[in-house]
């Protein structure tokens, strides 16, 4: 078997790319990463799992292989109105169905309504299988109980990234 040793590879032209269409990455390798961010305040009106309100945070990704997995990582920012026992939870929707969610209220305040500044950072991670070989838009949606809930209050950023992981 022959071996090729190189220190650097350069495309033939400055606008070219080096490709390796037959390259097989080891299991666990990151195939691609996409990132999104929003700071637009959004009122959450959904009140049940499955009927969440879009937070305005989404990413469209096309899997390189449907046998790979997506690692979805988001960090949302919420403000819950001060009232007795407010809560909020999120779900990741792929345009057809919910692919990941917290089954119950993930941020729950056992309070009497006298709390001060109910602002919360909400981290969420999911490992999902792509639903198709084409482009898929994953959207972060939220649902609440109680009075007003705002995503990205005072322009606090919400972020999301998706990594395709070789299987």
Foldseek 3Di string as FASTA:
>chain_A
DDDDDDDDDDDPDPPDDDDDVPDDDDFFDWPDKDKDKFQDKDKWDAAAPPRFAFLPDKDKDADPDLVWKKKKKKKWKKWDQQAAKKFKWKFKQFPPGTFDIDNDGPDIDRDHRPDPTRMDIDIDIDIGGDPDRGITMITIGMHMDDDIMMINPPSNMMMMMMTTGHD
